[in-house]
PDB file of N, CA and C in Angstrom:
ATOM      1  N   UNK A   1      91.216  95.482 170.159  1.00  0.00           N
ATOM      2  CA  UNK A   1      91.423  96.916 170.041  1.00  0.00           C
ATOM      3  C   UNK A   1      92.819  97.150 169.434  1.00  0.00           C
ATOM      4  N   UNK A   2      92.893  98.164 168.602  1.00  0.00           N
ATOM      5  CA  UNK A   2      94.153  98.539 167.936  1.00  0.00           C
ATOM      6  C   UNK A   2      94.445  99.984 168.271  1.00  0.00           C
ATOM      7  N   UNK A   3      95.710 100.303 168.536  1.00  0.00           N
ATOM      8  CA  UNK A   3      96.129 101.652 168.867  1.00  0.00           C
ATOM      9  C   UNK A   3      97.332 102.081 168.011  1.00  0.00           C
ATOM     10  N   UNK A   4      97.325 103.306 167.521  1.00  0.00           N
ATOM     11  CA  UNK A   4      98.477 103.896 166.899  1.00  0.00           C
ATOM     12  C   UNK A   4      98.282 105.406 166.856  1.00  0.00           C
ATOM     13  N   UNK A   5      99.362 106.156 166.601  1.00  0.00           N
ATOM     14  CA  UNK A   5      99.271 107.611 166.550  1.00  0.00           C
ATOM     15  C   UNK A   5      98.984 108.078 165.142  1.00  0.00           C
ATOM     16  N   UNK A   6      98.213 109.156 165.054  1.00  0.00           N
ATOM     17  CA  UNK A   6      97.914 109.785 163.780  1.00  0.00           C
ATOM     18  C   UNK A   6      98.265 111.273 163.875  1.00  0.00           C
ATOM     19  N   UNK A   7      98.475 111.868 162.721  1.00  0.00           N
ATOM     20  CA  UNK A   7      98.701 113.328 162.690  1.00  0.00           C
ATOM     21  C   UNK A   7      98.046 113.892 161.445  1.00  0.00           C
ATOM     22  N   UNK A   8      97.697 115.166 161.527  1.00  0.00           N
ATOM     23  CA  UNK A   8      97.028 115.850 160.422  1.00  0.00           C
ATOM     24  C   UNK A   8      97.804 117.072 160.043  1.00  0.00           C
ATOM     25  N   UNK A   9      98.057 117.246 158.748  1.00  0.00           N
ATOM     26  CA  UNK A   9      98.832 118.392 158.249  1.00  0.00           C
ATOM     27  C   UNK A   9      97.947 119.545 157.865  1.00  0.00           C
ATOM     28  N   UNK A  10      96.755 119.247 157.349  1.00  0.00           N
ATOM     29  CA  UNK A  10      95.844 120.302 156.860  1.00  0.00           C
ATOM     30  C   UNK A  10      94.428 120.016 157.358  1.00  0.00           C
ATOM     31  N   UNK A  11      93.562 121.014 157.203  1.00  0.00           N
ATOM     32  CA  UNK A  11      92.165 120.828 157.545  1.00  0.00           C
ATOM     33  C   UNK A  11      91.508 119.816 156.615  1.00  0.00           C
ATOM     34  N   UNK A  12      91.955 119.750 155.373  1.00  0.00           N
ATOM     35  CA  UNK A  12      91.423 118.748 154.451  1.00  0.00           C
ATOM     36  C   UNK A  12      91.772 117.342 154.882  1.00  0.00           C
ATOM     37  N   UNK A  13      92.943 117.176 155.533  1.00  0.00           N
ATOM     38  CA  UNK A  13      93.307 115.849 156.100  1.00  0.00           C
ATOM     39  C   UNK A  13      92.273 115.420 157.149  1.00  0.00           C
ATOM     40  N   UNK A  14      91.872 116.347 157.993  1.00  0.00           N
ATOM     41  CA  UNK A  14      90.880 116.033 159.032  1.00  0.00           C
ATOM     42  C   UNK A  14      89.559 115.637 158.386  1.00  0.00           C
ATOM     43  N   UNK A  15      89.141 116.373 157.369  1.00  0.00           N
ATOM     44  CA  UNK A  15      87.880 116.081 156.696  1.00  0.00           C
ATOM     45  C   UNK A  15      87.947 114.684 156.028  1.00  0.00           C
ATOM     46  N   UNK A  16      89.060 114.381 155.366  1.00  0.00           N
ATOM     47  CA  UNK A  16      89.222 113.070 154.744  1.00  0.00           C
ATOM     48  C   UNK A  16      89.195 111.946 155.777  1.00  0.00           C
ATOM     49  N   UNK A  17      89.909 112.160 156.891  1.00  0.00           N
ATOM     50  CA  UNK A  17      89.949 111.194 157.985  1.00  0.00           C
ATOM     51  C   UNK A  17      88.541 110.900 158.497  1.00  0.00           C
ATOM     52  N   UNK A  18      87.768 111.949 158.781  1.00  0.00           N
ATOM     53  CA  UNK A  18      86.411 111.794 159.292  1.00  0.00           C
ATOM     54  C   UNK A  18      85.528 111.039 158.298  1.00  0.00           C
ATOM     55  N   UNK A  19      85.681 111.345 157.020  1.00  0.00           N
ATOM     56  CA  UNK A  19      84.900 110.657 156.006  1.00  0.00           C
ATOM     57  C   UNK A  19      85.219 109.156 155.970  1.00  0.00           C
ATOM     58  N   UNK A  20      86.476 108.809 156.173  1.00  0.00           N
ATOM     59  CA  UNK A  20      86.896 107.415 156.187  1.00  0.00           C
ATOM     60  C   UNK A  20      86.333 106.682 157.400  1.00  0.00           C
ATOM     61  N   UNK A  21      86.554 107.234 158.599  1.00  0.00           N
ATOM     62  CA  UNK A  21      86.143 106.525 159.808  1.00  0.00           C
ATOM     63  C   UNK A  21      84.638 106.414 159.937  1.00  0.00           C
ATOM     64  N   UNK A  22      83.896 107.323 159.350  1.00  0.00           N
ATOM     65  CA  UNK A  22      82.425 107.257 159.425  1.00  0.00           C
ATOM     66  C   UNK A  22      81.828 106.118 158.600  1.00  0.00           C
ATOM     67  N   UNK A  23      82.624 105.489 157.762  1.00  0.00           N
ATOM     68  CA  UNK A  23      82.135 104.343 156.992  1.00  0.00           C
ATOM     69  C   UNK A  23      82.154 103.047 157.794  1.00  0.00           C
ATOM     70  N   UNK A  24      82.722 103.087 158.999  1.00  0.00           N
ATOM     71  CA  UNK A  24      82.872 101.880 159.824  1.00  0.00           C
ATOM     72  C   UNK A  24      81.935 101.986 161.030  1.00  0.00           C
ATOM     73  N   UNK A  25      81.361 100.847 161.410  1.00  0.00           N
ATOM     74  CA  UNK A  25      80.335 100.845 162.457  1.00  0.00           C
ATOM     75  C   UNK A  25      80.887 100.810 163.875  1.00  0.00           C
ATOM     76  N   UNK A  26      82.120 100.397 164.056  1.00  0.00           N
ATOM     77  CA  UNK A  26      82.657 100.277 165.409  1.00  0.00           C
ATOM     78  C   UNK A  26      83.141 101.628 165.946  1.00  0.00           C
ATOM     79  N   UNK A  27      83.328 101.701 167.268  1.00  0.00           N
ATOM     80  CA  UNK A  27      83.758 102.929 167.923  1.00  0.00           C
ATOM     81  C   UNK A  27      85.228 103.188 167.647  1.00  0.00           C
ATOM     82  N   UNK A  28      85.546 104.466 167.434  1.00  0.00           N
ATOM     83  CA  UNK A  28      86.921 104.892 167.186  1.00  0.00           C
ATOM     84  C   UNK A  28      87.110 106.195 167.971  1.00  0.00           C
ATOM     85  N   UNK A  29      88.148 106.235 168.800  1.00  0.00           N
ATOM     86  CA  UNK A  29      88.402 107.408 169.642  1.00  0.00           C
ATOM     87  C   UNK A  29      89.769 108.015 169.323  1.00  0.00           C
ATOM     88  N   UNK A  30      89.879 109.313 169.583  1.00  0.00           N
ATOM     89  CA  UNK A  30      91.157 110.002 169.534  1.00  0.00           C
ATOM     90  C   UNK A  30      91.429 110.518 170.937  1.00  0.00           C
ATOM     91  N   UNK A  31      92.671 110.320 171.400  1.00  0.00           N
ATOM     92  CA  UNK A  31      93.030 110.658 172.760  1.00  0.00           C
ATOM     93  C   UNK A  31      94.298 111.500 172.755  1.00  0.00           C
ATOM     94  N   UNK A  32      94.268 112.594 173.483  1.00  0.00           N
ATOM     95  CA  UNK A  32      95.470 113.375 173.723  1.00  0.00           C
ATOM     96  C   UNK A  32      95.379 113.895 175.149  1.00  0.00           C
ATOM     97  N   UNK A  33      96.408 113.561 175.935  1.00  0.00           N
ATOM     98  CA  UNK A  33      96.377 113.925 177.345  1.00  0.00           C
ATOM     99  C   UNK A  33      95.187 113.296 178.030  1.00  0.00           C
ATOM    100  N   UNK A  34      94.386 114.111 178.671  1.00  0.00           N
ATOM    101  CA  UNK A  34      93.193 113.588 179.368  1.00  0.00           C
ATOM    102  C   UNK A  34      91.930 113.718 178.547  1.00  0.00           C
ATOM    103  N   UNK A  35      92.052 114.190 177.312  1.00  0.00           N
ATOM    104  CA  UNK A  35      90.894 114.370 176.453  1.00  0.00           C
ATOM    105  C   UNK A  35      90.676 113.205 175.524  1.00  0.00           C
ATOM    106  N   UNK A  36      89.443 112.739 175.441  1.00  0.00           N
ATOM    107  CA  UNK A  36      89.056 111.661 174.524  1.00  0.00           C
ATOM    108  C   UNK A  36      87.875 112.172 173.729  1.00  0.00           C
ATOM    109  N   UNK A  37      87.985 112.102 172.396  1.00  0.00           N
ATOM    110  CA  UNK A  37      86.879 112.512 171.537  1.00  0.00           C
ATOM    111  C   UNK A  37      86.535 111.406 170.552  1.00  0.00           C
ATOM    112  N   UNK A  38      85.325 111.419 170.084  1.00  0.00           N
ATOM    113  CA  UNK A  38      84.874 110.486 169.057  1.00  0.00           C
ATOM    114  C   UNK A  38      85.564 110.861 167.745  1.00  0.00           C
ATOM    115  N   UNK A  39      86.282 109.916 167.137  1.00  0.00           N
ATOM    116  CA  UNK A  39      87.015 110.188 165.895  1.00  0.00           C
ATOM    117  C   UNK A  39      86.067 110.453 164.731  1.00  0.00           C
ATOM    118  N   UNK A  40      84.810 110.172 164.896  1.00  0.00           N
ATOM    119  CA  UNK A  40      83.833 110.405 163.839  1.00  0.00           C
ATOM    120  C   UNK A  40      83.253 111.818 163.883  1.00  0.00           C
ATOM    121  N   UNK A  41      83.667 112.598 164.883  1.00  0.00           N
ATOM    122  CA  UNK A  41      83.161 113.954 165.102  1.00  0.00           C
ATOM    123  C   UNK A  41      84.210 114.982 164.654  1.00  0.00           C
ATOM    124  N   UNK A  42      83.913 115.683 163.573  1.00  0.00           N
ATOM    125  CA  UNK A  42      84.897 116.679 163.092  1.00  0.00           C
ATOM    126  C   UNK A  42      85.043 117.810 164.100  1.00  0.00           C
ATOM    127  N   UNK A  43      83.956 118.172 164.797  1.00  0.00           N
ATOM    128  CA  UNK A  43      84.042 119.219 165.833  1.00  0.00           C
ATOM    129  C   UNK A  43      84.860 118.737 167.019  1.00  0.00           C
ATOM    130  N   UNK A  44      84.732 117.479 167.364  1.00  0.00           N
ATOM    131  CA  UNK A  44      85.539 116.930 168.451  1.00  0.00           C
ATOM    132  C   UNK A  44      87.009 116.966 168.119  1.00  0.00           C
ATOM    133  N   UNK A  45      87.359 116.614 166.892  1.00  0.00           N
ATOM    134  CA  UNK A  45      88.763 116.606 166.467  1.00  0.00           C
ATOM    135  C   UNK A  45      89.331 118.019 166.505  1.00  0.00           C
ATOM    136  N   UNK A  46      88.557 119.000 166.069  1.00  0.00           N
ATOM    137  CA  UNK A  46      89.041 120.375 166.071  1.00  0.00           C
ATOM    138  C   UNK A  46      89.202 120.932 167.482  1.00  0.00           C
ATOM    139  N   UNK A  47      88.677 120.242 168.496  1.00  0.00           N
ATOM    140  CA  UNK A  47      88.880 120.698 169.879  1.00  0.00           C
ATOM    141  C   UNK A  47      90.238 120.227 170.417  1.00  0.00           C
ATOM    142  N   UNK A  48      90.942 119.382 169.673  1.00  0.00           N
ATOM    143  CA  UNK A  48      92.236 118.862 170.101  1.00  0.00           C
ATOM    144  C   UNK A  48      93.375 119.701 169.559  1.00  0.00           C
ATOM    145  N   UNK A  49      94.562 119.537 170.132  1.00  0.00           N
ATOM    146  CA  UNK A  49      95.771 120.190 169.624  1.00  0.00           C
ATOM    147  C   UNK A  49      96.292 119.387 168.445  1.00  0.00           C
ATOM    148  N   UNK A  50      96.052 119.860 167.236  1.00  0.00           N
ATOM    149  CA  UNK A  50      96.403 119.120 166.030  1.00  0.00           C
ATOM    150  C   UNK A  50      97.873 119.291 165.633  1.00  0.00           C
ATOM    151  N   UNK A  51      98.618 120.055 166.384  1.00  0.00           N
ATOM    152  CA  UNK A  51     100.034 120.255 166.054  1.00  0.00           C
ATOM    153  C   UNK A  51     100.910 119.082 166.537  1.00  0.00           C
ATOM    154  N   UNK A  52     100.323 118.188 167.332  1.00  0.00           N
ATOM    155  CA  UNK A  52     101.061 117.038 167.860  1.00  0.00           C
ATOM    156  C   UNK A  52     100.364 115.752 167.409  1.00  0.00           C
ATOM    157  N   UNK A  53     101.087 114.620 167.401  1.00  0.00           N
ATOM    158  CA  UNK A  53     100.450 113.337 167.115  1.00  0.00           C
ATOM    159  C   UNK A  53      99.357 113.041 168.141  1.00  0.00           C
ATOM    160  N   UNK A  54      98.303 112.381 167.675  1.00  0.00           N
ATOM    161  CA  UNK A  54      97.149 112.049 168.504  1.00  0.00           C
ATOM    162  C   UNK A  54      96.974 110.539 168.502  1.00  0.00           C
ATOM    163  N   UNK A  55      96.708 109.976 169.682  1.00  0.00           N
ATOM    164  CA  UNK A  55      96.520 108.517 169.799  1.00  0.00           C
ATOM    165  C   UNK A  55      95.139 108.135 169.268  1.00  0.00           C
ATOM    166  N   UNK A  56      95.124 107.152 168.370  1.00  0.00           N
ATOM    167  CA  UNK A  56      93.898 106.625 167.803  1.00  0.00           C
ATOM    168  C   UNK A  56      93.630 105.267 168.397  1.00  0.00           C
ATOM    169  N   UNK A  57      92.408 105.009 168.876  1.00  0.00           N
ATOM    170  CA  UNK A  57      91.998 103.724 169.443  1.00  0.00           C
ATOM    171  C   UNK A  57      90.844 103.213 168.628  1.00  0.00           C
ATOM    172  N   UNK A  58      91.019 102.063 167.998  1.00  0.00           N
ATOM    173  CA  UNK A  58      89.967 101.434 167.225  1.00  0.00           C
ATOM    174  C   UNK A  58      89.420 100.290 168.093  1.00  0.00           C
ATOM    175  N   UNK A  59      88.146 100.320 168.419  1.00  0.00           N
ATOM    176  CA  UNK A  59      87.531  99.350 169.315  1.00  0.00           C
ATOM    177  C   UNK A  59      86.948  98.179 168.526  1.00  0.00           C
ATOM    178  N   UNK A  60      87.832  97.481 167.825  1.00  0.00           N
ATOM    179  CA  UNK A  60      87.452  96.287 167.058  1.00  0.00           C
ATOM    180  C   UNK A  60      88.701  95.480 166.778  1.00  0.00           C
ATOM    181  N   UNK A  61      88.539  94.186 166.712  1.00  0.00           N
ATOM    182  CA  UNK A  61      89.674  93.322 166.334  1.00  0.00           C
ATOM    183  C   UNK A  61      89.730  93.117 164.817  1.00  0.00           C
ATOM    184  N   UNK A  62      88.644  93.416 164.127  1.00  0.00           N
ATOM    185  CA  UNK A  62      88.568  93.245 162.673  1.00  0.00           C
ATOM    186  C   UNK A  62      88.666  94.600 161.994  1.00  0.00           C
ATOM    187  N   UNK A  63      89.863  95.218 162.076  1.00  0.00           N
ATOM    188  CA  UNK A  63      90.000  96.596 161.587  1.00  0.00           C
ATOM    189  C   UNK A  63      91.115  96.740 160.554  1.00  0.00           C
ATOM    190  N   UNK A  64      91.496  95.642 159.924  1.00  0.00           N
ATOM    191  CA  UNK A  64      92.581  95.697 158.944  1.00  0.00           C
ATOM    192  C   UNK A  64      92.298  96.623 157.773  1.00  0.00           C
ATOM    193  N   UNK A  65      91.073  96.617 157.272  1.00  0.00           N
ATOM    194  CA  UNK A  65      90.723  97.466 156.141  1.00  0.00           C
ATOM    195  C   UNK A  65      90.801  98.953 156.547  1.00  0.00           C
ATOM    196  N   UNK A  66      90.299  99.265 157.739  1.00  0.00           N
ATOM    197  CA  UNK A  66      90.359 100.643 158.197  1.00  0.00           C
ATOM    198  C   UNK A  66      91.821 101.075 158.418  1.00  0.00           C
ATOM    199  N   UNK A  67      92.610 100.219 159.006  1.00  0.00           N
ATOM    200  CA  UNK A  67      94.023 100.547 159.251  1.00  0.00           C
ATOM    201  C   UNK A  67      94.731 100.826 157.935  1.00  0.00           C
ATOM    202  N   UNK A  68      94.420 100.062 156.907  1.00  0.00           N
ATOM    203  CA  UNK A  68      95.030 100.280 155.594  1.00  0.00           C
ATOM    204  C   UNK A  68      94.615 101.637 155.006  1.00  0.00           C
ATOM    205  N   UNK A  69      93.351 102.001 155.176  1.00  0.00           N
ATOM    206  CA  UNK A  69      92.872 103.286 154.680  1.00  0.00           C
ATOM    207  C   UNK A  69      93.484 104.468 155.427  1.00  0.00           C
ATOM    208  N   UNK A  70      93.850 104.259 156.682  1.00  0.00           N
ATOM    209  CA  UNK A  70      94.370 105.363 157.508  1.00  0.00           C
ATOM    210  C   UNK A  70      95.899 105.431 157.506  1.00  0.00           C
ATOM    211  N   UNK A  71      96.570 104.612 156.709  1.00  0.00           N
ATOM    212  CA  UNK A  71      98.038 104.567 156.758  1.00  0.00           C
ATOM    213  C   UNK A  71      98.667 105.932 156.412  1.00  0.00           C
ATOM    214  N   UNK A  72      98.038 106.738 155.619  1.00  0.00           N
ATOM    215  CA  UNK A  72      98.622 108.052 155.285  1.00  0.00           C
ATOM    216  C   UNK A  72      98.616 109.007 156.469  1.00  0.00           C
ATOM    217  N   UNK A  73      97.802 108.744 157.486  1.00  0.00           N
ATOM    218  CA  UNK A  73      97.733 109.599 158.665  1.00  0.00           C
ATOM    219  C   UNK A  73      98.609 109.123 159.823  1.00  0.00           C
ATOM    220  N   UNK A  74      99.218 107.946 159.680  1.00  0.00           N
ATOM    221  CA  UNK A  74     100.056 107.427 160.786  1.00  0.00           C
ATOM    222  C   UNK A  74     101.225 108.354 161.038  1.00  0.00           C
ATOM    223  N   UNK A  75     101.443 108.604 162.340  1.00  0.00           N
ATOM    224  CA  UNK A  75     102.527 109.511 162.734  1.00  0.00           C
ATOM    225  C   UNK A  75     103.837 108.746 162.865  1.00  0.00           C
TER     226      UNK A  75
END
């Protein structure tokens, strides 16, 4: 499992993020406080407070390609 914080500046950032993570078969979660949502769900992401960094949890050890694609979102 890999963890790091992500942040989104615009709604288009969220859309791009969801398009990227949906290409991968393993589970990916976003966590803020006591809330955990599926990172592949655009509606779930919009239920979070996007003004602060959000913890991303990738449930795979083979996630180097995904991590490289998400580097623009790292907080």
